[in-house]
C-alpha atoms as a PDB file:
ATOM      1  CA  MET A   1       0.431  31.348  42.153  1.00  0.00           C
ATOM      2  CA  LYS A   2      -0.720  32.878  45.456  1.00  0.00           C
ATOM      3  CA  LYS A   3      -3.657  35.227  45.684  1.00  0.00           C
ATOM      4  CA  ARG A   4      -3.092  38.969  45.837  1.00  0.00           C
ATOM      5  CA  ARG A   5      -3.488  40.489  49.288  1.00  0.00           C
ATOM      6  CA  LEU A   6      -4.169  44.064  50.263  1.00  0.00           C
ATOM      7  CA  LEU A   7      -1.560  45.014  52.871  1.00  0.00           C
ATOM      8  CA  HIS A   8      -2.261  48.747  53.131  1.00  0.00           C
ATOM      9  CA  SER A   9      -4.628  51.230  51.571  1.00  0.00           C
ATOM     10  CA  ILE A  10      -4.436  54.970  51.221  1.00  0.00           C
ATOM     11  CA  PRO A  11      -7.179  56.783  53.140  1.00  0.00           C
ATOM     12  CA  PRO A  12      -9.778  58.594  51.018  1.00  0.00           C
ATOM     13  CA  GLY A  13      -8.819  62.174  50.226  1.00  0.00           C
ATOM     14  CA  PHE A  14      -5.117  61.697  51.031  1.00  0.00           C
ATOM     15  CA  PRO A  15      -2.921  62.923  48.161  1.00  0.00           C
ATOM     16  CA  GLU A  16      -1.135  60.216  46.195  1.00  0.00           C
ATOM     17  CA  ARG A  17       2.625  60.646  46.595  1.00  0.00           C
ATOM     18  CA  VAL A  18       4.161  58.242  44.085  1.00  0.00           C
ATOM     19  CA  ALA A  19       1.511  56.536  41.990  1.00  0.00           C
ATOM     20  CA  GLU A  20      -2.086  55.623  42.575  1.00  0.00           C
ATOM     21  CA  GLY A  21      -2.231  53.245  45.534  1.00  0.00           C
ATOM     22  CA  ALA A  22       1.546  52.750  45.638  1.00  0.00           C
ATOM     23  CA  PRO A  23       3.559  52.909  48.850  1.00  0.00           C
ATOM     24  CA  HIS A  24       7.060  54.358  48.870  1.00  0.00           C
ATOM     25  CA  TYR A  25      10.228  52.283  49.157  1.00  0.00           C
ATOM     26  CA  SER A  26       8.908  48.799  49.839  1.00  0.00           C
ATOM     27  CA  HIS A  27      11.687  46.356  50.798  1.00  0.00           C
ATOM     28  CA  TRP A  28      11.475  42.693  51.759  1.00  0.00           C
ATOM     29  CA  SER A  29      13.544  41.569  54.721  1.00  0.00           C
ATOM     30  CA  PRO A  30      16.503  39.437  53.572  1.00  0.00           C
ATOM     31  CA  ASP A  31      14.808  36.291  54.931  1.00  0.00           C
ATOM     32  CA  GLY A  32      11.568  37.148  53.100  1.00  0.00           C
ATOM     33  CA  GLN A  33       9.409  37.030  56.245  1.00  0.00           C
ATOM     34  CA  CYS A  34       8.552  40.753  56.515  1.00  0.00           C
ATOM     35  CA  LEU A  35       7.879  43.650  54.222  1.00  0.00           C
ATOM     36  CA  ALA A  36       8.789  47.211  55.254  1.00  0.00           C
ATOM     37  CA  PHE A  37       7.332  50.145  53.364  1.00  0.00           C
ATOM     38  CA  ILE A  38       6.633  53.848  53.694  1.00  0.00           C
ATOM     39  CA  GLY A  39       3.065  54.914  53.087  1.00  0.00           C
ATOM     40  CA  PRO A  40       0.362  57.254  54.303  1.00  0.00           C
ATOM     41  CA  SER A  41      -0.617  56.825  57.930  1.00  0.00           C
ATOM     42  CA  LEU A  42      -3.891  55.068  58.595  1.00  0.00           C
ATOM     43  CA  GLU A  43      -5.242  58.447  59.713  1.00  0.00           C
ATOM     44  CA  GLY A  44      -4.082  60.015  56.439  1.00  0.00           C
ATOM     45  CA  ASN A  45      -2.109  62.888  57.966  1.00  0.00           C
ATOM     46  CA  SER A  46       1.549  61.800  57.520  1.00  0.00           C
ATOM     47  CA  LEU A  47       3.857  59.278  55.917  1.00  0.00           C
ATOM     48  CA  ASP A  48       4.882  56.412  58.203  1.00  0.00           C
ATOM     49  CA  LEU A  49       7.204  53.405  58.089  1.00  0.00           C
ATOM     50  CA  PHE A  50       5.272  50.134  58.369  1.00  0.00           C
ATOM     51  CA  VAL A  51       6.391  46.535  58.857  1.00  0.00           C
ATOM     52  CA  ILE A  52       4.093  43.609  58.094  1.00  0.00           C
ATOM     53  CA  SER A  53       4.280  39.855  57.734  1.00  0.00           C
ATOM     54  CA  PRO A  54       2.236  39.083  54.623  1.00  0.00           C
ATOM     55  CA  ASP A  55       1.280  35.747  56.210  1.00  0.00           C
ATOM     56  CA  ASP A  56      -0.328  37.613  59.141  1.00  0.00           C
ATOM     57  CA  LEU A  57      -2.216  40.655  57.909  1.00  0.00           C
ATOM     58  CA  LYS A  58      -2.988  41.675  61.509  1.00  0.00           C
ATOM     59  CA  SER A  59       0.742  42.166  62.104  1.00  0.00           C
ATOM     60  CA  LEU A  60       0.862  45.635  60.483  1.00  0.00           C
ATOM     61  CA  LEU A  61       2.977  47.860  62.743  1.00  0.00           C
ATOM     62  CA  VAL A  62       3.947  51.505  62.537  1.00  0.00           C
ATOM     63  CA  VAL A  63       7.689  51.539  63.217  1.00  0.00           C
ATOM     64  CA  ALA A  64       8.397  55.260  62.719  1.00  0.00           C
ATOM     65  CA  ARG A  65       6.231  58.259  61.952  1.00  0.00           C
ATOM     66  CA  SER A  66       6.622  61.416  59.938  1.00  0.00           C
ATOM     67  CA  ALA A  67       8.707  61.728  56.792  1.00  0.00           C
ATOM     68  CA  PRO A  68      11.328  62.100  55.593  1.00  0.00           C
ATOM     69  CA  LEU A  69      12.037  58.432  56.271  1.00  0.00           C
ATOM     70  CA  TYR A  70      14.755  56.155  54.875  1.00  0.00           C
ATOM     71  CA  PHE A  71      15.626  52.646  56.054  1.00  0.00           C
ATOM     72  CA  GLY A  72      17.682  49.506  55.524  1.00  0.00           C
ATOM     73  CA  TRP A  73      17.396  45.894  56.774  1.00  0.00           C
ATOM     74  CA  SER A  74      20.105  44.129  58.772  1.00  0.00           C
ATOM     75  CA  PRO A  75      21.522  41.086  56.935  1.00  0.00           C
ATOM     76  CA  ASP A  76      19.853  38.701  59.424  1.00  0.00           C
ATOM     77  CA  SER A  77      16.440  40.461  59.128  1.00  0.00           C
ATOM     78  CA  SER A  78      16.341  41.156  62.877  1.00  0.00           C
ATOM     79  CA  ARG A  79      16.553  44.971  62.693  1.00  0.00           C
ATOM     80  CA  LEU A  80      15.861  48.030  60.599  1.00  0.00           C
ATOM     81  CA  VAL A  81      18.082  51.098  60.707  1.00  0.00           C
ATOM     82  CA  ILE A  82      15.980  54.194  60.095  1.00  0.00           C
ATOM     83  CA  HIS A  83      16.765  57.814  59.265  1.00  0.00           C
ATOM     84  CA  GLN A  84      13.679  59.703  60.451  1.00  0.00           C
ATOM     85  CA  ARG A  85      13.836  63.471  59.944  1.00  0.00           C
ATOM     86  CA  ASN A  86      17.163  64.223  61.669  1.00  0.00           C
ATOM     87  CA  ARG A  87      17.267  61.148  63.965  1.00  0.00           C
ATOM     88  CA  LEU A  88      18.909  57.732  63.577  1.00  0.00           C
ATOM     89  CA  LEU A  89      16.758  54.888  64.919  1.00  0.00           C
ATOM     90  CA  VAL A  90      16.940  51.102  65.123  1.00  0.00           C
ATOM     91  CA  TYR A  91      13.839  48.923  65.135  1.00  0.00           C
ATOM     92  CA  ASP A  92      14.111  45.414  66.611  1.00  0.00           C
ATOM     93  CA  VAL A  93      11.725  42.996  64.874  1.00  0.00           C
ATOM     94  CA  ASP A  94      11.497  40.529  67.791  1.00  0.00           C
ATOM     95  CA  ASP A  95      11.059  43.136  70.550  1.00  0.00           C
ATOM     96  CA  ARG A  96       8.918  45.394  68.324  1.00  0.00           C
ATOM     97  CA  GLU A  97      10.704  48.394  69.791  1.00  0.00           C
ATOM     98  CA  THR A  98      12.269  51.387  68.112  1.00  0.00           C
ATOM     99  CA  ARG A  99      15.143  53.090  69.897  1.00  0.00           C
ATOM    100  CA  ASP A 100      16.956  56.322  69.181  1.00  0.00           C
ATOM    101  CA  LEU A 101      20.719  55.906  68.665  1.00  0.00           C
ATOM    102  CA  GLY A 102      21.365  59.507  69.706  1.00  0.00           C
ATOM    103  CA  ARG A 103      22.818  60.502  66.334  1.00  0.00           C
ATOM    104  CA  SER A 104      21.354  63.324  64.349  1.00  0.00           C
ATOM    105  CA  GLY A 105      21.877  64.870  60.968  1.00  0.00           C
ATOM    106  CA  LEU A 106      20.129  65.977  57.830  1.00  0.00           C
ATOM    107  CA  THR A 107      23.036  65.537  55.410  1.00  0.00           C
ATOM    108  CA  TYR A 108      22.634  61.798  54.806  1.00  0.00           C
ATOM    109  CA  ARG A 109      19.689  59.801  53.513  1.00  0.00           C
ATOM    110  CA  VAL A 110      19.645  56.000  53.527  1.00  0.00           C
ATOM    111  CA  PRO A 111      21.533  54.410  56.427  1.00  0.00           C
ATOM    112  CA  ASP A 112      22.582  50.784  56.093  1.00  0.00           C
ATOM    113  CA  PHE A 113      24.120  47.868  57.973  1.00  0.00           C
ATOM    114  CA  SER A 114      27.498  46.361  57.170  1.00  0.00           C
ATOM    115  CA  PRO A 115      27.393  42.866  55.595  1.00  0.00           C
ATOM    116  CA  ASP A 116      27.996  41.265  59.022  1.00  0.00           C
ATOM    117  CA  GLY A 117      25.344  43.473  60.703  1.00  0.00           C
ATOM    118  CA  GLY A 118      27.836  44.812  63.257  1.00  0.00           C
ATOM    119  CA  ARG A 119      28.118  48.392  61.987  1.00  0.00           C
ATOM    120  CA  ILE A 120      25.892  51.075  60.542  1.00  0.00           C
ATOM    121  CA  ALA A 121      26.897  53.462  57.765  1.00  0.00           C
ATOM    122  CA  MET A 122      25.196  56.828  57.522  1.00  0.00           C
END
C-alpha cells in the first residue's frame, strides 16, 4: 500500500464547503495519471479547479477560477471540458492552456466529451 499524500489543504479560516478538508468533485483522468478537483483557492478567497499529478506534487495547477465550476475528462485524458460560471472552456493537459470555446449559458451544468472525444455535450 502506498503512503498517503497531501495534495491540497484548505487555508485557515476558509469555510468548509462539503466536509472537513474535502475538495469538491475529485475525478481521476481516465489514464489515472492526473487528478482534477475543485477546492478552495490557495489564497482562500474562491473555489478553483485544480489538476495535479500525484507522482509530482509540484505539478499542482489552477485550471479555472471562481465557482460555479463543473468539468469532465476527455476519453484519452488529454483535455478537460469545463463549465465555469456561464463560459465553456477546454483545458489542454500537454499545453497547460485553458481556452474559451465562445459558448455561454447558465442552464446546463456538467459538460462532457463523447466516447470518441470528438464532440462535447452541454
